[in-house]
Amino acid sequence: MNRTAVNPWDWSLKYGFNQGEVLEGASRVLVCAGQTAIDGGGNVKHAGDMKAQMGLALDNLDAVLKGGGMTLANVVGLTIYTTDVDQVLANWAVLAERLGAAGVTPPQTLLGISRLAFPELMVEIEATAVA
């Protein structure tokens, strides 16, 4: 698969994402449900700790991607839902470091919402991956 960045402006690059990407030669698409700070038993973890919740949500996303035969390098779009946009931005390095290590800057949307499925959850990360 070839990825070509589409950035009419370059401001988003300092935040680690492209405005768009043209994908050519892709043959498989994995649409991932939103991943949160829930362990394998369905228990919410790290209540009140945005950094830890972001890390576990990304670990869970990695597991789904791996199950589909992909990695973060295959992610072509992210939507991040949060009950506290300021806390996500204060902990943005958690996401940026993982994406940087994978060598990708996929288009992203960050949305502030009133709550997630369980009140203790602060962030949910949804992804689309292509191989």
C-alpha atoms as a PDB file:
ATOM      1  CA  MET A   1       0.000   0.000   0.000  1.00  0.00           C
ATOM      2  CA  ASN A   2       1.217   3.487  -0.844  1.00  0.00           C
ATOM      3  CA  ARG A   3       0.240   6.446   1.347  1.00  0.00           C
ATOM      4  CA  THR A   4       0.448   9.999   0.025  1.00  0.00           C
ATOM      5  CA  ALA A   5      -0.070  12.808   2.521  1.00  0.00           C
ATOM      6  CA  VAL A   6      -2.511  15.586   1.624  1.00  0.00           C
ATOM      7  CA  ASN A   7      -1.703  18.752   3.594  1.00  0.00           C
ATOM      8  CA  PRO A   8      -2.894  22.025   2.063  1.00  0.00           C
ATOM      9  CA  TRP A   9      -1.465  23.567   5.267  1.00  0.00           C
ATOM     10  CA  ASP A  10       1.392  22.252   7.381  1.00  0.00           C
ATOM     11  CA  TRP A  11       0.228  23.261  10.883  1.00  0.00           C
ATOM     12  CA  SER A  12      -1.145  19.775  11.637  1.00  0.00           C
ATOM     13  CA  LEU A  13       2.253  18.156  11.139  1.00  0.00           C
ATOM     14  CA  LYS A  14       3.531  19.634  14.406  1.00  0.00           C
ATOM     15  CA  TYR A  15       0.655  17.771  16.106  1.00  0.00           C
ATOM     16  CA  GLY A  16       1.529  14.512  14.348  1.00  0.00           C
ATOM     17  CA  PHE A  17      -1.232  14.125  11.781  1.00  0.00           C
ATOM     18  CA  ASN A  18      -1.962  14.678   8.112  1.00  0.00           C
ATOM     19  CA  GLN A  19      -5.092  16.456   6.933  1.00  0.00           C
ATOM     20  CA  GLY A  20      -5.724  13.533   4.582  1.00  0.00           C
ATOM     21  CA  GLU A  21      -4.042  10.589   2.917  1.00  0.00           C
ATOM     22  CA  VAL A  22      -4.489   9.020  -0.505  1.00  0.00           C
ATOM     23  CA  LEU A  23      -4.239   5.228  -0.225  1.00  0.00           C
ATOM     24  CA  GLU A  24      -3.294   3.145  -3.254  1.00  0.00           C
ATOM     25  CA  GLY A  25      -2.859  -0.595  -3.495  1.00  0.00           C
ATOM     26  CA  ALA A  26      -4.774  -1.434  -0.317  1.00  0.00           C
ATOM     27  CA  SER A  27      -6.551  -4.782  -0.240  1.00  0.00           C
ATOM     28  CA  ARG A  28      -7.838  -5.183   3.354  1.00  0.00           C
ATOM     29  CA  VAL A  29      -9.602  -2.752   5.695  1.00  0.00           C
ATOM     30  CA  LEU A  30      -9.975  -3.253   9.458  1.00  0.00           C
ATOM     31  CA  VAL A  31     -12.509  -1.016  11.177  1.00  0.00           C
ATOM     32  CA  CYS A  32     -11.818  -1.070  14.917  1.00  0.00           C
ATOM     33  CA  ALA A  33     -14.377  -0.373  17.614  1.00  0.00           C
ATOM     34  CA  GLY A  34     -13.450   2.395  20.018  1.00  0.00           C
ATOM     35  CA  GLN A  35     -10.864   1.149  22.510  1.00  0.00           C
ATOM     36  CA  THR A  36     -10.810   2.326  26.111  1.00  0.00           C
ATOM     37  CA  ALA A  37      -9.095   1.621  29.422  1.00  0.00           C
ATOM     38  CA  ILE A  38     -10.914  -1.664  29.979  1.00  0.00           C
ATOM     39  CA  ASP A  39      -8.975  -4.822  30.817  1.00  0.00           C
ATOM     40  CA  GLY A  40      -9.522  -8.287  29.340  1.00  0.00           C
ATOM     41  CA  GLY A  41     -12.164  -9.024  31.959  1.00  0.00           C
ATOM     42  CA  GLY A  42     -14.246  -5.974  31.058  1.00  0.00           C
ATOM     43  CA  ASN A  43     -13.172  -3.895  34.078  1.00  0.00           C
ATOM     44  CA  VAL A  44     -12.486  -0.166  33.840  1.00  0.00           C
ATOM     45  CA  LYS A  45      -8.914   0.679  34.861  1.00  0.00           C
ATOM     46  CA  HIS A  46      -7.110   3.881  35.871  1.00  0.00           C
ATOM     47  CA  ALA A  47     -10.120   6.009  36.885  1.00  0.00           C
ATOM     48  CA  GLY A  48      -9.083   9.657  36.975  1.00  0.00           C
ATOM     49  CA  ASP A  49      -5.706   9.055  35.238  1.00  0.00           C
ATOM     50  CA  MET A  50      -5.870  10.244  31.608  1.00  0.00           C
ATOM     51  CA  LYS A  51      -2.284   9.274  30.765  1.00  0.00           C
ATOM     52  CA  ALA A  52      -2.791   5.688  31.965  1.00  0.00           C
ATOM     53  CA  GLN A  53      -6.195   5.453  30.266  1.00  0.00           C
ATOM     54  CA  MET A  54      -4.718   6.625  26.957  1.00  0.00           C
ATOM     55  CA  GLY A  55      -1.910   4.081  27.275  1.00  0.00           C
ATOM     56  CA  LEU A  56      -4.273   1.175  27.964  1.00  0.00           C
ATOM     57  CA  ALA A  57      -6.635   2.253  25.174  1.00  0.00           C
ATOM     58  CA  LEU A  58      -3.656   2.187  22.791  1.00  0.00           C
ATOM     59  CA  ASP A  59      -2.557  -1.212  24.132  1.00  0.00           C
ATOM     60  CA  ASN A  60      -6.067  -2.496  23.463  1.00  0.00           C
ATOM     61  CA  LEU A  61      -6.035  -0.972  19.975  1.00  0.00           C
ATOM     62  CA  ASP A  62      -2.694  -2.716  19.337  1.00  0.00           C
ATOM     63  CA  ALA A  63      -4.292  -6.027  20.356  1.00  0.00           C
ATOM     64  CA  VAL A  64      -7.220  -5.572  17.953  1.00  0.00           C
ATOM     65  CA  LEU A  65      -4.858  -4.579  15.146  1.00  0.00           C
ATOM     66  CA  LYS A  66      -2.647  -7.585  15.847  1.00  0.00           C
ATOM     67  CA  GLY A  67      -5.722  -9.828  15.777  1.00  0.00           C
ATOM     68  CA  GLY A  68      -6.433  -8.493  12.299  1.00  0.00           C
ATOM     69  CA  GLY A  69      -2.856  -9.054  11.162  1.00  0.00           C
ATOM     70  CA  MET A  70      -1.950  -5.358  11.329  1.00  0.00           C
ATOM     71  CA  THR A  71      -0.084  -2.835  13.500  1.00  0.00           C
ATOM     72  CA  LEU A  72      -0.294   0.882  14.219  1.00  0.00           C
ATOM     73  CA  ALA A  73       1.667   1.344  10.988  1.00  0.00           C
ATOM     74  CA  ASN A  74      -1.518   0.332   9.137  1.00  0.00           C
ATOM     75  CA  VAL A  75      -3.745   2.940  10.817  1.00  0.00           C
ATOM     76  CA  VAL A  76      -5.126   5.427   8.290  1.00  0.00           C
ATOM     77  CA  GLY A  77      -7.586   7.282  10.511  1.00  0.00           C
ATOM     78  CA  LEU A  78      -8.237   7.928  14.210  1.00  0.00           C
ATOM     79  CA  THR A  79     -11.162   9.401  16.081  1.00  0.00           C
ATOM     80  CA  ILE A  80     -10.521  10.212  19.724  1.00  0.00           C
ATOM     81  CA  TYR A  81     -13.492  10.799  22.012  1.00  0.00           C
ATOM     82  CA  THR A  82     -12.885  12.325  25.440  1.00  0.00           C
ATOM     83  CA  THR A  83     -14.663  13.776  28.401  1.00  0.00           C
ATOM     84  CA  ASP A  84     -11.717  16.176  28.935  1.00  0.00           C
ATOM     85  CA  VAL A  85     -10.058  17.628  25.819  1.00  0.00           C
ATOM     86  CA  ASP A  86      -7.535  19.601  27.891  1.00  0.00           C
ATOM     87  CA  GLN A  87      -6.298  16.429  29.606  1.00  0.00           C
ATOM     88  CA  VAL A  88      -5.947  14.586  26.288  1.00  0.00           C
ATOM     89  CA  LEU A  89      -3.920  17.476  24.889  1.00  0.00           C
ATOM     90  CA  ALA A  90      -1.777  17.591  28.058  1.00  0.00           C
ATOM     91  CA  ASN A  91      -1.019  13.880  27.542  1.00  0.00           C
ATOM     92  CA  TRP A  92      -0.828  13.949  23.732  1.00  0.00           C
ATOM     93  CA  ALA A  93       2.734  12.569  23.866  1.00  0.00           C
ATOM     94  CA  VAL A  94       1.295   9.158  24.798  1.00  0.00           C
ATOM     95  CA  LEU A  95      -0.370   8.963  21.386  1.00  0.00           C
ATOM     96  CA  ALA A  96       2.295  10.850  19.448  1.00  0.00           C
ATOM     97  CA  GLU A  97       5.117   8.600  20.656  1.00  0.00           C
ATOM     98  CA  ARG A  98       3.264   5.422  19.656  1.00  0.00           C
ATOM     99  CA  LEU A  99       2.339   6.769  16.219  1.00  0.00           C
ATOM    100  CA  GLY A 100       5.842   8.162  15.721  1.00  0.00           C
ATOM    101  CA  ALA A 101       7.389   4.792  16.544  1.00  0.00           C
ATOM    102  CA  ALA A 102       5.069   3.230  13.947  1.00  0.00           C
ATOM    103  CA  GLY A 103       6.118   5.877  11.411  1.00  0.00           C
ATOM    104  CA  VAL A 104       2.606   7.147  10.685  1.00  0.00           C
ATOM    105  CA  THR A 105       0.749  10.451  10.930  1.00  0.00           C
ATOM    106  CA  PRO A 106      -2.825   9.425  10.110  1.00  0.00           C
ATOM    107  CA  PRO A 107      -5.685  11.908   9.834  1.00  0.00           C
ATOM    108  CA  GLN A 108      -7.281  12.385  13.255  1.00  0.00           C
ATOM    109  CA  THR A 109     -10.336  13.948  14.867  1.00  0.00           C
ATOM    110  CA  LEU A 110     -10.522  14.843  18.565  1.00  0.00           C
ATOM    111  CA  LEU A 111     -14.009  15.241  20.024  1.00  0.00           C
ATOM    112  CA  GLY A 112     -15.078  16.404  23.481  1.00  0.00           C
ATOM    113  CA  ILE A 113     -18.190  14.576  24.687  1.00  0.00           C
ATOM    114  CA  SER A 114     -20.237  14.529  27.883  1.00  0.00           C
ATOM    115  CA  ARG A 115     -19.478  10.894  28.820  1.00  0.00           C
ATOM    116  CA  LEU A 116     -18.437   7.468  27.568  1.00  0.00           C
ATOM    117  CA  ALA A 117     -20.053   4.036  28.107  1.00  0.00           C
ATOM    118  CA  PHE A 118     -18.843   3.853  31.733  1.00  0.00           C
ATOM    119  CA  PRO A 119     -18.616   7.048  33.803  1.00  0.00           C
ATOM    120  CA  GLU A 120     -15.003   6.314  34.881  1.00  0.00           C
ATOM    121  CA  LEU A 121     -13.792   6.264  31.271  1.00  0.00           C
ATOM    122  CA  MET A 122     -12.165   9.459  30.045  1.00  0.00           C
ATOM    123  CA  VAL A 123     -10.989   8.562  26.526  1.00  0.00           C
ATOM    124  CA  GLU A 124     -11.911   6.225  23.659  1.00  0.00           C
ATOM    125  CA  ILE A 125      -9.803   5.709  20.528  1.00  0.00           C
ATOM    126  CA  GLU A 126     -11.385   4.455  17.312  1.00  0.00           C
ATOM    127  CA  ALA A 127      -9.276   3.484  14.295  1.00  0.00           C
ATOM    128  CA  THR A 128      -9.432   2.374  10.693  1.00  0.00           C
ATOM    129  CA  ALA A 129      -6.489   0.375   9.389  1.00  0.00           C
ATOM    130  CA  VAL A 130      -5.627  -0.717   5.857  1.00  0.00           C
ATOM    131  CA  ALA A 131      -3.202  -3.289   4.482  1.00  0.00           C
END
